[in-house]
Amino acid sequence: MKLKIVCIFFIISTACKSTTSELPILSYNYIDGKKELYKIDGFEFINQDGDTISSTNTEGKIHTMNFFFTTCPSICPPMRIKQSEIAKTFSSYPSFRQYSISIDFKRDTLAQLQYYSKLHDINSEQWQLLRAPSEAQLNAIATLLKSNFEPNEDGTDFYHSSYLALIDNHQHIRGFYDILKDEEIVLLKKDITVLLNQLE
């Protein structure tokens, strides 16, 4: 199945222009005309070490989440380079993590995630590659992250966004960033620092 991840434009536009220390909370829905916040929780994945990762692991930490797949020939390699840079920048902060969720449910097995992690020297203490236990869970986390999957027909490849979500220690989304754009990497790093400083 070929998937396309599309981030909701108005939320991304608002988030990427944030330059203040008071970052907006973007994980909300309007229900019966009332704005209701929600958390990025209720998930359970397996990381490249074979460990179960759930909202218990992310609670209390500043973290990012994005989508990828290990055989991606296009935007994933430059995204990986940018995320490696972010991992190095915040390597001394135990309260910061990156989580990349594979959208290739069939081919990105635990063994494949382990191979990919070793090949690209990804330290699981800082950056975890996640596999969903089912396509239903994959779709559920995409909904929470304000993305949606659009299946295509030939099943040979995937299209996906280069945006990642920045999530605070209370599991609320505080921004979306296109990590293929240098100016948004700069903003992301500033906003990560703001949230980390609020933990002190």
C-alpha atoms as a PDB file:
ATOM      1  CA  MET A   1       0.000   0.000   0.000  1.00  0.00           C
ATOM      2  CA  LYS A   2       1.281   3.430  -0.907  1.00  0.00           C
ATOM      3  CA  LEU A   3       0.667   6.077   1.712  1.00  0.00           C
ATOM      4  CA  LYS A   4       0.758   9.813   1.730  1.00  0.00           C
ATOM      5  CA  ILE A   5       1.051  11.831   4.921  1.00  0.00           C
ATOM      6  CA  VAL A   6      -0.461  15.286   4.723  1.00  0.00           C
ATOM      7  CA  CYS A   7      -0.152  17.734   7.620  1.00  0.00           C
ATOM      8  CA  ILE A   8      -2.997  20.160   8.225  1.00  0.00           C
ATOM      9  CA  PHE A   9      -1.847  23.398   6.648  1.00  0.00           C
ATOM     10  CA  PHE A  10      -3.280  26.014   8.964  1.00  0.00           C
ATOM     11  CA  ILE A  11      -1.792  24.352  12.055  1.00  0.00           C
ATOM     12  CA  ILE A  12       1.641  24.020  10.474  1.00  0.00           C
ATOM     13  CA  SER A  13       1.571  27.606   9.263  1.00  0.00           C
ATOM     14  CA  THR A  14       0.721  28.880  12.722  1.00  0.00           C
ATOM     15  CA  ALA A  15       3.326  26.732  14.455  1.00  0.00           C
ATOM     16  CA  CYS A  16       6.214  27.459  12.139  1.00  0.00           C
ATOM     17  CA  LYS A  17       5.837  31.209  12.615  1.00  0.00           C
ATOM     18  CA  SER A  18       6.076  31.007  16.408  1.00  0.00           C
ATOM     19  CA  THR A  19       9.024  33.017  17.698  1.00  0.00           C
ATOM     20  CA  THR A  20       7.960  33.670  21.288  1.00  0.00           C
ATOM     21  CA  SER A  21       8.852  31.777  24.435  1.00  0.00           C
ATOM     22  CA  GLU A  22       5.147  31.064  24.970  1.00  0.00           C
ATOM     23  CA  LEU A  23       4.643  28.339  22.408  1.00  0.00           C
ATOM     24  CA  PRO A  24       1.064  27.526  21.414  1.00  0.00           C
ATOM     25  CA  ILE A  25      -0.568  24.194  22.234  1.00  0.00           C
ATOM     26  CA  LEU A  26      -1.633  22.675  18.922  1.00  0.00           C
ATOM     27  CA  SER A  27      -3.033  19.310  19.992  1.00  0.00           C
ATOM     28  CA  TYR A  28      -6.693  20.204  20.175  1.00  0.00           C
ATOM     29  CA  ASN A  29     -10.007  19.604  18.465  1.00  0.00           C
ATOM     30  CA  TYR A  30     -13.233  21.560  18.426  1.00  0.00           C
ATOM     31  CA  ILE A  31     -16.084  19.470  19.815  1.00  0.00           C
ATOM     32  CA  ASP A  32     -19.544  21.019  19.786  1.00  0.00           C
ATOM     33  CA  GLY A  33     -17.914  24.392  19.259  1.00  0.00           C
ATOM     34  CA  LYS A  34     -15.640  24.001  22.284  1.00  0.00           C
ATOM     35  CA  LYS A  35     -11.863  23.762  22.050  1.00  0.00           C
ATOM     36  CA  GLU A  36     -10.640  20.607  23.772  1.00  0.00           C
ATOM     37  CA  LEU A  37      -6.986  19.748  24.271  1.00  0.00           C
ATOM     38  CA  TYR A  38      -5.730  16.208  23.920  1.00  0.00           C
ATOM     39  CA  LYS A  39      -2.469  14.398  24.618  1.00  0.00           C
ATOM     40  CA  ILE A  40      -0.191  12.361  22.389  1.00  0.00           C
ATOM     41  CA  ASP A  41      -0.738   9.141  24.285  1.00  0.00           C
ATOM     42  CA  GLY A  42      -2.532   5.826  24.103  1.00  0.00           C
ATOM     43  CA  PHE A  43       0.078   4.301  21.789  1.00  0.00           C
ATOM     44  CA  GLU A  44       2.391   1.322  22.136  1.00  0.00           C
ATOM     45  CA  PHE A  45       5.255   0.738  19.699  1.00  0.00           C
ATOM     46  CA  ILE A  46       8.403  -1.375  19.508  1.00  0.00           C
ATOM     47  CA  ASN A  47      11.742   0.397  19.089  1.00  0.00           C
ATOM     48  CA  GLN A  48      14.913  -0.768  17.346  1.00  0.00           C
ATOM     49  CA  ASP A  49      16.103  -2.433  20.566  1.00  0.00           C
ATOM     50  CA  GLY A  50      12.931  -4.512  20.803  1.00  0.00           C
ATOM     51  CA  ASP A  51      11.650  -2.497  23.768  1.00  0.00           C
ATOM     52  CA  THR A  52       8.044  -1.386  24.130  1.00  0.00           C
ATOM     53  CA  ILE A  53       7.616   2.385  23.919  1.00  0.00           C
ATOM     54  CA  SER A  54       4.395   3.958  25.139  1.00  0.00           C
ATOM     55  CA  SER A  55       3.223   7.287  26.518  1.00  0.00           C
ATOM     56  CA  THR A  56       4.703   6.191  29.855  1.00  0.00           C
ATOM     57  CA  ASN A  57       8.136   6.614  28.252  1.00  0.00           C
ATOM     58  CA  THR A  58       7.416   9.992  26.659  1.00  0.00           C
ATOM     59  CA  GLU A  59       5.642  11.608  29.604  1.00  0.00           C
ATOM     60  CA  GLY A  60       7.853  14.155  31.324  1.00  0.00           C
ATOM     61  CA  LYS A  61      10.209  14.436  28.336  1.00  0.00           C
ATOM     62  CA  ILE A  62      10.489  16.968  25.557  1.00  0.00           C
ATOM     63  CA  HIS A  63      10.377  15.004  22.327  1.00  0.00           C
ATOM     64  CA  THR A  64       9.754  15.068  18.613  1.00  0.00           C
ATOM     65  CA  MET A  65       7.767  12.646  16.483  1.00  0.00           C
ATOM     66  CA  ASN A  66       7.842  12.181  12.743  1.00  0.00           C
ATOM     67  CA  PHE A  67       7.257   9.564  10.061  1.00  0.00           C
ATOM     68  CA  PHE A  68       9.798   7.762   7.891  1.00  0.00           C
ATOM     69  CA  PHE A  69      10.564   4.383   6.347  1.00  0.00           C
ATOM     70  CA  THR A  70      13.909   2.679   6.024  1.00  0.00           C
ATOM     71  CA  THR A  71      13.927   2.151   2.247  1.00  0.00           C
ATOM     72  CA  CYS A  72      12.871   5.721   1.441  1.00  0.00           C
ATOM     73  CA  PRO A  73      15.002   6.942  -1.484  1.00  0.00           C
ATOM     74  CA  SER A  74      13.971  10.590  -1.465  1.00  0.00           C
ATOM     75  CA  ILE A  75      13.403  12.835   1.550  1.00  0.00           C
ATOM     76  CA  CYS A  76      14.331  10.406   4.346  1.00  0.00           C
ATOM     77  CA  PRO A  77      18.125  10.570   3.859  1.00  0.00           C
ATOM     78  CA  PRO A  78      18.295  14.392   4.206  1.00  0.00           C
ATOM     79  CA  MET A  79      15.769  14.221   7.045  1.00  0.00           C
ATOM     80  CA  ARG A  80      17.994  11.672   8.798  1.00  0.00           C
ATOM     81  CA  ILE A  81      21.006  13.977   8.453  1.00  0.00           C
ATOM     82  CA  LYS A  82      19.076  16.855  10.035  1.00  0.00           C
ATOM     83  CA  GLN A  83      17.821  14.644  12.860  1.00  0.00           C
ATOM     84  CA  SER A  84      21.361  13.412  13.500  1.00  0.00           C
ATOM     85  CA  GLU A  85      22.376  17.046  13.842  1.00  0.00           C
ATOM     86  CA  ILE A  86      19.558  17.630  16.336  1.00  0.00           C
ATOM     87  CA  ALA A  87      20.602  14.519  18.294  1.00  0.00           C
ATOM     88  CA  LYS A  88      24.160  15.862  18.575  1.00  0.00           C
ATOM     89  CA  THR A  89      22.992  19.325  19.609  1.00  0.00           C
ATOM     90  CA  PHE A  90      20.924  17.949  22.495  1.00  0.00           C
ATOM     91  CA  SER A  91      23.047  14.895  23.346  1.00  0.00           C
ATOM     92  CA  SER A  92      23.708  16.168  26.879  1.00  0.00           C
ATOM     93  CA  TYR A  93      19.998  16.543  27.682  1.00  0.00           C
ATOM     94  CA  PRO A  94      18.512  13.294  29.064  1.00  0.00           C
ATOM     95  CA  SER A  95      15.037  14.889  28.998  1.00  0.00           C
ATOM     96  CA  PHE A  96      15.020  15.153  25.185  1.00  0.00           C
ATOM     97  CA  ARG A  97      14.234  12.347  22.726  1.00  0.00           C
ATOM     98  CA  GLN A  98      13.412  11.911  19.056  1.00  0.00           C
ATOM     99  CA  TYR A  99      10.914   9.282  17.877  1.00  0.00           C
ATOM    100  CA  SER A 100      10.618   8.330  14.214  1.00  0.00           C
ATOM    101  CA  ILE A 101       7.667   6.097  13.326  1.00  0.00           C
ATOM    102  CA  SER A 102       7.895   3.820  10.302  1.00  0.00           C
ATOM    103  CA  ILE A 103       4.987   3.950   7.868  1.00  0.00           C
ATOM    104  CA  ASP A 104       6.128   0.749   6.129  1.00  0.00           C
ATOM    105  CA  PHE A 105       4.304  -1.664   8.395  1.00  0.00           C
ATOM    106  CA  LYS A 106       5.125  -4.773   6.349  1.00  0.00           C
ATOM    107  CA  ARG A 107       8.814  -4.307   5.502  1.00  0.00           C
ATOM    108  CA  ASP A 108      10.140  -2.359   8.484  1.00  0.00           C
ATOM    109  CA  THR A 109      10.397  -5.301  10.840  1.00  0.00           C
ATOM    110  CA  LEU A 110      12.337  -5.197  14.097  1.00  0.00           C
ATOM    111  CA  ALA A 111      15.341  -6.720  12.307  1.00  0.00           C
ATOM    112  CA  GLN A 112      15.153  -4.037   9.606  1.00  0.00           C
ATOM    113  CA  LEU A 113      14.986  -1.232  12.172  1.00  0.00           C
ATOM    114  CA  GLN A 114      18.000  -2.713  13.967  1.00  0.00           C
ATOM    115  CA  TYR A 115      19.941  -2.913  10.707  1.00  0.00           C
ATOM    116  CA  TYR A 116      19.030   0.664   9.750  1.00  0.00           C
ATOM    117  CA  SER A 117      19.941   1.979  13.200  1.00  0.00           C
ATOM    118  CA  LYS A 118      23.376   0.331  13.125  1.00  0.00           C
ATOM    119  CA  LEU A 119      24.000   1.373   9.529  1.00  0.00           C
ATOM    120  CA  HIS A 120      23.419   5.030  10.346  1.00  0.00           C
ATOM    121  CA  ASP A 121      24.849   5.009  13.873  1.00  0.00           C
ATOM    122  CA  ILE A 122      21.572   5.999  15.539  1.00  0.00           C
ATOM    123  CA  ASN A 123      21.851   5.997  19.319  1.00  0.00           C
ATOM    124  CA  SER A 124      18.606   4.676  20.804  1.00  0.00           C
ATOM    125  CA  GLU A 125      19.264   6.619  24.009  1.00  0.00           C
ATOM    126  CA  GLN A 126      18.607   9.781  21.999  1.00  0.00           C
ATOM    127  CA  TRP A 127      16.635   8.726  18.947  1.00  0.00           C
ATOM    128  CA  GLN A 128      14.274   5.800  18.678  1.00  0.00           C
ATOM    129  CA  LEU A 129      12.907   4.184  15.534  1.00  0.00           C
ATOM    130  CA  LEU A 130       9.422   2.843  16.152  1.00  0.00           C
ATOM    131  CA  ARG A 131       7.309   0.104  14.614  1.00  0.00           C
ATOM    132  CA  ALA A 132       3.550   0.091  15.151  1.00  0.00           C
ATOM    133  CA  PRO A 133       1.948  -3.250  16.092  1.00  0.00           C
ATOM    134  CA  SER A 134      -0.818  -2.697  13.544  1.00  0.00           C
ATOM    135  CA  GLU A 135      -1.888  -0.383  10.751  1.00  0.00           C
ATOM    136  CA  ALA A 136      -4.749   0.735  12.997  1.00  0.00           C
ATOM    137  CA  GLN A 137      -2.247   2.069  15.560  1.00  0.00           C
ATOM    138  CA  LEU A 138      -0.287   3.720  12.769  1.00  0.00           C
ATOM    139  CA  ASN A 139      -3.401   5.543  11.608  1.00  0.00           C
ATOM    140  CA  ALA A 140      -4.303   6.441  15.189  1.00  0.00           C
ATOM    141  CA  ILE A 141      -0.965   8.150  15.896  1.00  0.00           C
ATOM    142  CA  ALA A 142      -1.168   9.956  12.546  1.00  0.00           C
ATOM    143  CA  THR A 143      -4.521  11.395  13.592  1.00  0.00           C
ATOM    144  CA  LEU A 144      -3.082  12.588  16.905  1.00  0.00           C
ATOM    145  CA  LEU A 145      -0.165  14.184  15.058  1.00  0.00           C
ATOM    146  CA  LYS A 146      -2.546  16.008  12.699  1.00  0.00           C
ATOM    147  CA  SER A 147      -1.561  13.940   9.668  1.00  0.00           C
ATOM    148  CA  ASN A 148      -3.603  11.619   7.506  1.00  0.00           C
ATOM    149  CA  PHE A 149      -2.638   8.692   5.317  1.00  0.00           C
ATOM    150  CA  GLU A 150      -3.902   8.539   1.752  1.00  0.00           C
ATOM    151  CA  PRO A 151      -3.366   5.106   0.189  1.00  0.00           C
ATOM    152  CA  ASN A 152      -2.321   4.872  -3.439  1.00  0.00           C
ATOM    153  CA  GLU A 153      -2.523   1.884  -5.715  1.00  0.00           C
ATOM    154  CA  ASP A 154       0.765   0.266  -6.756  1.00  0.00           C
ATOM    155  CA  GLY A 155       2.276  -0.475  -3.325  1.00  0.00           C
ATOM    156  CA  THR A 156       5.871   0.154  -4.402  1.00  0.00           C
ATOM    157  CA  ASP A 157       6.674   3.279  -2.417  1.00  0.00           C
ATOM    158  CA  PHE A 158       5.405   5.832   0.095  1.00  0.00           C
ATOM    159  CA  TYR A 159       4.990   9.566   0.020  1.00  0.00           C
ATOM    160  CA  HIS A 160       5.288  11.381   3.332  1.00  0.00           C
ATOM    161  CA  SER A 161       5.837  14.762   4.861  1.00  0.00           C
ATOM    162  CA  SER A 162       9.154  16.196   6.026  1.00  0.00           C
ATOM    163  CA  TYR A 163       7.463  17.810   9.032  1.00  0.00           C
ATOM    164  CA  LEU A 164       7.971  16.694  12.601  1.00  0.00           C
ATOM    165  CA  ALA A 165       5.995  17.572  15.704  1.00  0.00           C
ATOM    166  CA  LEU A 166       7.546  19.014  18.859  1.00  0.00           C
ATOM    167  CA  ILE A 167       5.808  17.654  21.967  1.00  0.00           C
ATOM    168  CA  ASP A 168       6.188  18.925  25.515  1.00  0.00           C
ATOM    169  CA  ASN A 169       6.514  17.068  28.818  1.00  0.00           C
ATOM    170  CA  HIS A 170       2.722  17.101  29.237  1.00  0.00           C
ATOM    171  CA  GLN A 171       2.352  15.361  25.843  1.00  0.00           C
ATOM    172  CA  HIS A 172       0.925  18.361  24.003  1.00  0.00           C
ATOM    173  CA  ILE A 173       2.074  19.369  20.521  1.00  0.00           C
ATOM    174  CA  ARG A 174       3.834  22.748  20.632  1.00  0.00           C
ATOM    175  CA  GLY A 175       4.917  23.112  16.999  1.00  0.00           C
ATOM    176  CA  PHE A 176       5.377  21.573  13.545  1.00  0.00           C
ATOM    177  CA  TYR A 177       8.616  22.075  11.595  1.00  0.00           C
ATOM    178  CA  ASP A 178       9.800  21.212   8.101  1.00  0.00           C
ATOM    179  CA  ILE A 179      13.228  19.821   8.916  1.00  0.00           C
ATOM    180  CA  LEU A 180      14.418  20.126   5.324  1.00  0.00           C
ATOM    181  CA  LYS A 181      14.427  23.918   5.737  1.00  0.00           C
ATOM    182  CA  ASP A 182      17.406  25.390   7.578  1.00  0.00           C
ATOM    183  CA  GLU A 183      15.420  28.294   9.029  1.00  0.00           C
ATOM    184  CA  GLU A 184      12.924  25.890  10.569  1.00  0.00           C
ATOM    185  CA  ILE A 185      15.721  23.775  12.056  1.00  0.00           C
ATOM    186  CA  VAL A 186      16.985  26.948  13.739  1.00  0.00           C
ATOM    187  CA  LEU A 187      13.496  27.659  15.085  1.00  0.00           C
ATOM    188  CA  LEU A 188      13.044  24.047  16.201  1.00  0.00           C
ATOM    189  CA  LYS A 189      16.275  24.122  18.185  1.00  0.00           C
ATOM    190  CA  LYS A 190      15.235  27.391  19.855  1.00  0.00           C
ATOM    191  CA  ASP A 191      11.836  25.987  20.759  1.00  0.00           C
ATOM    192  CA  ILE A 192      13.321  22.735  22.108  1.00  0.00           C
ATOM    193  CA  THR A 193      15.600  24.850  24.291  1.00  0.00           C
ATOM    194  CA  VAL A 194      12.639  26.916  25.535  1.00  0.00           C
ATOM    195  CA  LEU A 195      10.763  23.771  26.569  1.00  0.00           C
ATOM    196  CA  LEU A 196      13.840  22.184  28.170  1.00  0.00           C
ATOM    197  CA  ASN A 197      14.461  25.352  30.183  1.00  0.00           C
ATOM    198  CA  GLN A 198      10.897  25.190  31.481  1.00  0.00           C
ATOM    199  CA  LEU A 199      11.695  21.803  33.035  1.00  0.00           C
ATOM    200  CA  GLU A 200      14.302  23.352  35.319  1.00  0.00           C
END
